[in-house]
Amino acid sequence: MELFQKIALIFTIVGALNWGFIGFFDFNLVTALFGESSAIVRIIYAIVGICGVVNLIILFSHIDWDMDSNRK
């Protein structure tokens, strides 16, 4: 599971860097590498989005959401 989490984190970082390039330099690295309307571009964006959701789940997985269990 740790390998999957690291891969998800890498994809999320790549996506964040790409958004940084878009914001600061108006340069989309993914479309520059794979073309404007390539199916691979949509797949990469979908993978980055899924990895972002995975990282959100990991981020909040340590929180005990059961508030009643803390009461005495």
C-alpha atoms as a PDB file:
ATOM      1  CA  MET A   1       0.000   0.000   0.000  1.00  0.00           C
ATOM      2  CA  GLU A   2       2.874   2.346   0.714  1.00  0.00           C
ATOM      3  CA  LEU A   3       4.057   2.087  -2.923  1.00  0.00           C
ATOM      4  CA  PHE A   4       0.562   3.009  -4.158  1.00  0.00           C
ATOM      5  CA  GLN A   5       0.512   6.026  -1.844  1.00  0.00           C
ATOM      6  CA  LYS A   6       3.914   7.200  -3.101  1.00  0.00           C
ATOM      7  CA  ILE A   7       2.825   6.842  -6.717  1.00  0.00           C
ATOM      8  CA  ALA A   8      -0.358   8.809  -5.977  1.00  0.00           C
ATOM      9  CA  LEU A   9       1.715  11.507  -4.291  1.00  0.00           C
ATOM     10  CA  ILE A  10       4.084  11.734  -7.274  1.00  0.00           C
ATOM     11  CA  PHE A  11       1.186  12.165  -9.702  1.00  0.00           C
ATOM     12  CA  THR A  12      -0.375  14.805  -7.447  1.00  0.00           C
ATOM     13  CA  ILE A  13       2.912  16.725  -7.287  1.00  0.00           C
ATOM     14  CA  VAL A  14       3.309  16.551 -11.069  1.00  0.00           C
ATOM     15  CA  GLY A  15      -0.244  17.887 -11.424  1.00  0.00           C
ATOM     16  CA  ALA A  16       0.466  20.702  -8.979  1.00  0.00           C
ATOM     17  CA  LEU A  17       3.667  21.628 -10.810  1.00  0.00           C
ATOM     18  CA  ASN A  18       1.779  21.653 -14.098  1.00  0.00           C
ATOM     19  CA  TRP A  19      -0.807  24.040 -12.615  1.00  0.00           C
ATOM     20  CA  GLY A  20       2.061  26.187 -11.351  1.00  0.00           C
ATOM     21  CA  PHE A  21       3.493  26.350 -14.872  1.00  0.00           C
ATOM     22  CA  ILE A  22       0.072  27.296 -16.218  1.00  0.00           C
ATOM     23  CA  GLY A  23      -0.421  30.006 -13.587  1.00  0.00           C
ATOM     24  CA  PHE A  24       3.029  31.549 -13.697  1.00  0.00           C
ATOM     25  CA  PHE A  25       4.134  31.018 -17.291  1.00  0.00           C
ATOM     26  CA  ASP A  26       0.931  30.165 -19.237  1.00  0.00           C
ATOM     27  CA  PHE A  27       2.639  26.908 -20.216  1.00  0.00           C
ATOM     28  CA  ASN A  28       0.893  23.539 -20.003  1.00  0.00           C
ATOM     29  CA  LEU A  29       3.589  20.871 -19.747  1.00  0.00           C
ATOM     30  CA  VAL A  30       1.215  17.956 -20.337  1.00  0.00           C
ATOM     31  CA  THR A  31      -0.167  19.319 -23.611  1.00  0.00           C
ATOM     32  CA  ALA A  32       3.319  20.381 -24.679  1.00  0.00           C
ATOM     33  CA  LEU A  33       4.521  16.805 -24.266  1.00  0.00           C
ATOM     34  CA  PHE A  34       1.511  14.913 -25.639  1.00  0.00           C
ATOM     35  CA  GLY A  35      -0.409  17.337 -27.879  1.00  0.00           C
ATOM     36  CA  GLU A  36      -3.519  19.466 -27.460  1.00  0.00           C
ATOM     37  CA  SER A  37      -6.328  16.990 -28.056  1.00  0.00           C
ATOM     38  CA  SER A  38      -4.640  13.708 -27.321  1.00  0.00           C
ATOM     39  CA  ALA A  39      -6.486  10.955 -25.477  1.00  0.00           C
ATOM     40  CA  ILE A  40      -3.387  10.429 -23.354  1.00  0.00           C
ATOM     41  CA  VAL A  41      -3.755  13.999 -22.027  1.00  0.00           C
ATOM     42  CA  ARG A  42      -7.250  13.239 -20.753  1.00  0.00           C
ATOM     43  CA  ILE A  43      -6.013   9.994 -19.212  1.00  0.00           C
ATOM     44  CA  ILE A  44      -3.168  11.810 -17.440  1.00  0.00           C
ATOM     45  CA  TYR A  45      -5.559  14.447 -16.095  1.00  0.00           C
ATOM     46  CA  ALA A  46      -7.925  11.706 -14.894  1.00  0.00           C
ATOM     47  CA  ILE A  47      -5.074   9.860 -13.153  1.00  0.00           C
ATOM     48  CA  VAL A  48      -3.918  13.075 -11.468  1.00  0.00           C
ATOM     49  CA  GLY A  49      -7.485  13.748 -10.293  1.00  0.00           C
ATOM     50  CA  ILE A  50      -7.889  10.237  -8.892  1.00  0.00           C
ATOM     51  CA  CYS A  51      -4.521  10.516  -7.151  1.00  0.00           C
ATOM     52  CA  GLY A  52      -5.616  13.819  -5.607  1.00  0.00           C
ATOM     53  CA  VAL A  53      -8.677  12.098  -4.147  1.00  0.00           C
ATOM     54  CA  VAL A  54      -6.493   9.247  -2.868  1.00  0.00           C
ATOM     55  CA  ASN A  55      -4.219  11.764  -1.157  1.00  0.00           C
ATOM     56  CA  LEU A  56      -7.227  13.471   0.439  1.00  0.00           C
ATOM     57  CA  ILE A  57      -8.341  10.134   1.836  1.00  0.00           C
ATOM     58  CA  ILE A  58      -4.850   9.459   3.159  1.00  0.00           C
ATOM     59  CA  LEU A  59      -4.679  12.943   4.669  1.00  0.00           C
ATOM     60  CA  PHE A  60      -7.847  12.453   6.699  1.00  0.00           C
ATOM     61  CA  SER A  61      -7.575   8.712   7.379  1.00  0.00           C
ATOM     62  CA  HIS A  62      -5.978   9.171  10.798  1.00  0.00           C
ATOM     63  CA  ILE A  63      -8.864  11.272  12.149  1.00  0.00           C
ATOM     64  CA  ASP A  64     -11.345   9.542  14.432  1.00  0.00           C
ATOM     65  CA  TRP A  65     -14.670  10.857  13.115  1.00  0.00           C
ATOM     66  CA  ASP A  66     -16.697   9.119  15.835  1.00  0.00           C
ATOM     67  CA  MET A  67     -17.185  11.970  18.300  1.00  0.00           C
ATOM     68  CA  ASP A  68     -19.206   9.793  20.731  1.00  0.00           C
ATOM     69  CA  SER A  69     -16.303   7.409  21.324  1.00  0.00           C
ATOM     70  CA  ASN A  70     -14.348  10.154  23.105  1.00  0.00           C
ATOM     71  CA  ARG A  71     -17.100  10.801  25.692  1.00  0.00           C
ATOM     72  CA  LYS A  72     -17.057   9.111  29.072  1.00  0.00           C
END
